[in-house]
Amino acid sequence: MDLRVRALETVLTQKGYIDPAALDVLIDTYQTRIGPRNGARVVARSWVDPVFRDWLRTDASAAIASLGYSGRQGEHMIAVENTPALHNMVVCTLCSCYPWPVLGLPPTWYKSAAYRARAVRDARGVLADFGVTLPEPTRIRVWDSTAEVRYLVIPERPANTQGMDEIELAALVSRDSMIGTALARTPANAPAQARAPGAST
C-alpha cells in the first residue's frame, strides 16, 4: 500500500496536480499540530473541570464538540479514563478507524497488522514495546474502534501538577497517551515553555 501511494503521488506531482511541499505541510498539520493538540486540550479541561469531566464520560461527542472539535471521524466518541487500577488502550482490529478531529492522522504503527493483532492478545507486551510498564495489578482494557464508535483515552493526571494551568497541562498530553500506548508526561518532561513557574528542569 505504501508503494502504491508513493507511486500515485509521484505521478500526480509529475503531472502538476499536487505540490509535494503543500502536501507535507497538510500532513504535518494533522499529524502534529491540529489533531493531537485538540485532544490534549480536551484532556486538560477534564483534569481541571470536574463538570466537564463528567460530561465527557457520559457524552464525549457533545463535550468535545463544545470545544469546537467535531467533524468526520469524530461523530460518535467515547472517552475512557485511566486510573491506577485500570489502563485503557485503543486499537482498530479491522482497519484504522481513528478520531481525526482530536488526534489528527493515525500513526503508521496504529494501522499496522502487527499492532492490530498484538494489542488484543498481548496488550501488556505491546505497552512494554512502547516503554510503558504498569504495575502487575493494573488491569488493561483494550477498546476496538469501529466506523460507528471511536475512543479517546483520558490518561491519568501526573503527580505534582496542582499549580499548572490548562495550557501547561495540555503540554503533558501526547497523542500516544490518548491512544493508551503512553502515559502523560511529567512536568519535568514537558516542553520548557509549558512548565509551571518554579518547576524544576
Foldseek 3Di string as FASTA:
>chain_A
DVVVVVVVVVVCVVVVNDDVVVVVVVQCCQQPNQAQLLQLLLLLCVVVPVVLVVCCQVQVLVSSVVVVQDDALRNAEHEDEDDLQEFEAEAALPAQRARSSHRGDDDPVRGDNVCSVCCVVPVQVLLVVLVDHHPPNRYYDYHHADSRYHYWYNADQDPPCVQAHSQLSSQQGGSRVRRRSDHGHDLVPGPPVSRDPPDDD
